[in-house]
């Protein structure tokens, strides 16, 4: 069972990083941007990963839900920016669909030995991630 914590405080030392990858050739292709934001919430180091924008800035008051890692970094799964009122919840539908698809593909191709070994654990991990996101979103909703 996932154990979530809440942290409330003011944002400081915010650092935004973007990773842009993909390929475009003659006007067609695909480019993907991933965002990673590292910041402090009243002195507690926190990290937020995602594909969308991060809707807070230096000095904003925030209420965050997430997990504390063994290295002391708080991994944010959802938050409410108290200063602006913005609520950002974690993604749950896409990991669930990916997980179900991977398990289906692994079971459907059971006669290939390597395919189920790869896809079924990937599907289970994705479903677990979706479950954790759902639980974090419920906790954030109950607090807000």
Protein backbone atom coordinates (compact mmCIF):
# COMPACT_ATOMS: atom_id res chain seq x y z
CA UNK A 1 0.00 0.00 0.00
CA UNK A 2 1.34 3.40 -0.93
CA UNK A 3 1.93 5.81 1.95
CA UNK A 4 1.48 9.44 1.04
CA UNK A 5 2.44 12.53 2.96
CA UNK A 6 1.35 16.13 2.68
CA UNK A 7 3.67 19.11 2.81
CA UNK A 8 2.44 22.68 3.13
CA UNK A 9 4.57 25.77 2.84
CA UNK A 10 6.13 28.40 0.63
CA UNK A 11 8.02 27.69 -2.62
CA UNK A 12 11.68 28.70 -2.80
CA UNK A 13 14.75 27.83 -4.90
CA UNK A 14 12.63 26.76 -7.89
CA UNK A 15 14.55 25.26 -10.83
CA UNK A 16 12.79 24.27 -14.06
CA UNK A 17 14.30 21.80 -16.52
CA UNK A 18 12.96 20.64 -19.86
CA UNK A 19 13.99 17.64 -21.89
CA UNK A 20 13.01 17.95 -25.55
CA UNK A 21 13.35 14.87 -27.71
CA UNK A 22 12.08 13.62 -31.02
CA UNK A 23 12.66 14.10 -34.68
CA UNK A 24 11.32 16.39 -37.37
CA UNK A 25 12.17 15.89 -41.02
CA UNK A 26 10.75 18.03 -43.82
CA UNK A 27 8.02 19.42 -41.60
CA UNK A 28 6.76 16.10 -40.24
CA UNK A 29 7.70 14.21 -37.12
CA UNK A 30 7.15 14.21 -33.41
CA UNK A 31 8.69 16.24 -30.60
CA UNK A 32 8.12 15.43 -26.93
CA UNK A 33 8.81 17.77 -24.04
CA UNK A 34 9.16 16.54 -20.44
CA UNK A 35 9.29 18.96 -17.53
CA UNK A 36 11.12 18.47 -14.25
CA UNK A 37 10.90 21.03 -11.48
CA UNK A 38 13.00 20.91 -8.33
CA UNK A 39 12.15 23.29 -5.50
CA UNK A 40 11.91 23.66 -1.74
CA UNK A 41 8.71 23.75 0.30
CA UNK A 42 9.68 25.47 3.56
CA UNK A 43 13.16 23.93 3.33
CA UNK A 44 12.03 20.44 2.22
CA UNK A 45 13.48 19.50 -1.19
CA UNK A 46 10.72 18.48 -3.58
CA UNK A 47 10.59 17.26 -7.18
CA UNK A 48 7.77 17.29 -9.71
CA UNK A 49 7.91 15.54 -13.09
CA UNK A 50 5.39 15.82 -15.90
CA UNK A 51 4.59 16.68 -19.45
CA UNK A 52 2.56 19.81 -18.66
CA UNK A 53 3.39 23.14 -17.15
CA UNK A 54 4.07 23.69 -13.48
CA UNK A 55 1.60 26.25 -12.19
CA UNK A 56 3.50 27.84 -9.33
CA UNK A 57 6.33 30.29 -8.86
CA UNK A 58 8.79 31.49 -6.27
CA UNK A 59 7.03 32.62 -3.08
CA UNK A 60 3.69 30.87 -3.72
CA UNK A 61 2.06 28.95 -0.88
CA UNK A 62 1.46 25.32 -1.82
CA UNK A 63 -0.11 22.17 -0.41
CA UNK A 64 1.53 19.09 -1.97
CA UNK A 65 0.75 15.37 -1.78
CA UNK A 66 3.45 12.83 -2.56
CA UNK A 67 5.96 10.31 -1.33
CA UNK A 68 9.24 10.77 0.50
CA UNK A 69 12.11 8.87 -1.11
CA UNK A 70 14.98 7.27 0.75
CA UNK A 71 17.30 10.11 -0.29
CA UNK A 72 15.08 12.70 1.44
CA UNK A 73 13.44 14.16 -1.67
CA UNK A 74 9.68 14.64 -1.60
CA UNK A 75 8.21 13.42 -4.92
CA UNK A 76 5.07 15.47 -5.59
CA UNK A 77 2.14 13.61 -7.16
CA UNK A 78 -0.41 16.42 -6.91
CA UNK A 79 -0.71 19.88 -5.42
CA UNK A 80 -2.86 22.91 -4.77
CA UNK A 81 -1.34 26.32 -5.26
CA UNK A 82 -2.96 28.16 -2.37
CA UNK A 83 -1.85 31.55 -3.71
CA UNK A 84 -3.58 31.15 -7.08
CA UNK A 85 -6.12 28.39 -6.39
CA UNK A 86 -4.78 26.07 -9.11
CA UNK A 87 -5.15 22.35 -8.38
CA UNK A 88 -2.94 19.92 -10.34
CA UNK A 89 -3.66 16.21 -9.96
CA UNK A 90 -1.58 13.30 -11.21
CA UNK A 91 -2.41 11.31 -14.32
CA UNK A 92 -4.28 8.05 -13.74
CA UNK A 93 -6.16 7.16 -16.94
CA UNK A 94 -3.20 6.87 -19.33
CA UNK A 95 -1.15 4.58 -17.03
CA UNK A 96 -4.24 2.42 -16.50
CA UNK A 97 -4.90 2.07 -20.23
CA UNK A 98 -1.22 1.36 -20.87
CA UNK A 99 -1.17 -1.27 -18.12
CA UNK A 100 -4.27 -3.08 -19.34
CA UNK A 101 -2.97 -2.99 -22.92
CA UNK A 102 0.41 -4.43 -21.92
CA UNK A 103 -1.16 -7.24 -19.91
CA UNK A 104 -3.56 -8.04 -22.76
CA UNK A 105 -0.70 -8.07 -25.26
CA UNK A 106 1.41 -10.26 -22.96
CA UNK A 107 -1.39 -12.79 -22.45
CA UNK A 108 -2.47 -12.72 -26.10
CA UNK A 109 1.07 -13.57 -27.25
CA UNK A 110 1.70 -16.20 -24.56
CA UNK A 111 3.23 -18.58 -27.10
CA UNK A 112 6.20 -16.22 -27.54
CA UNK A 113 8.18 -16.80 -24.37
CA UNK A 114 9.84 -13.38 -24.18
CA UNK A 115 6.75 -11.24 -24.83
CA UNK A 116 4.79 -12.15 -21.66
CA UNK A 117 7.97 -11.86 -19.57
CA UNK A 118 8.37 -8.25 -20.74
CA UNK A 119 4.84 -6.96 -21.11
CA UNK A 120 2.98 -8.44 -18.14
CA UNK A 121 5.34 -6.94 -15.49
CA UNK A 122 5.33 -3.64 -17.40
CA UNK A 123 1.53 -3.67 -17.35
CA UNK A 124 1.40 -4.48 -13.63
CA UNK A 125 3.84 -1.65 -12.85
CA UNK A 126 1.75 0.77 -14.90
CA UNK A 127 -1.47 -0.26 -13.17
CA UNK A 128 0.27 0.13 -9.79
CA UNK A 129 1.33 3.65 -10.81
CA UNK A 130 -2.25 4.45 -11.79
CA UNK A 131 -3.50 3.14 -8.44
CA UNK A 132 -0.96 5.23 -6.54
CA UNK A 133 -1.98 8.31 -8.55
CA UNK A 134 -5.64 7.68 -7.77
CA UNK A 135 -4.91 7.36 -4.05
CA UNK A 136 -2.82 10.57 -4.07
CA UNK A 137 -5.60 12.41 -5.93
CA UNK A 138 -8.18 11.20 -3.37
CA UNK A 139 -6.00 12.43 -0.51
CA UNK A 140 -5.53 15.82 -2.19
CA UNK A 141 -9.28 16.13 -2.81
CA UNK A 142 -10.10 15.26 0.80
CA UNK A 143 -7.67 17.87 2.14
CA UNK A 144 -8.71 20.64 -0.26
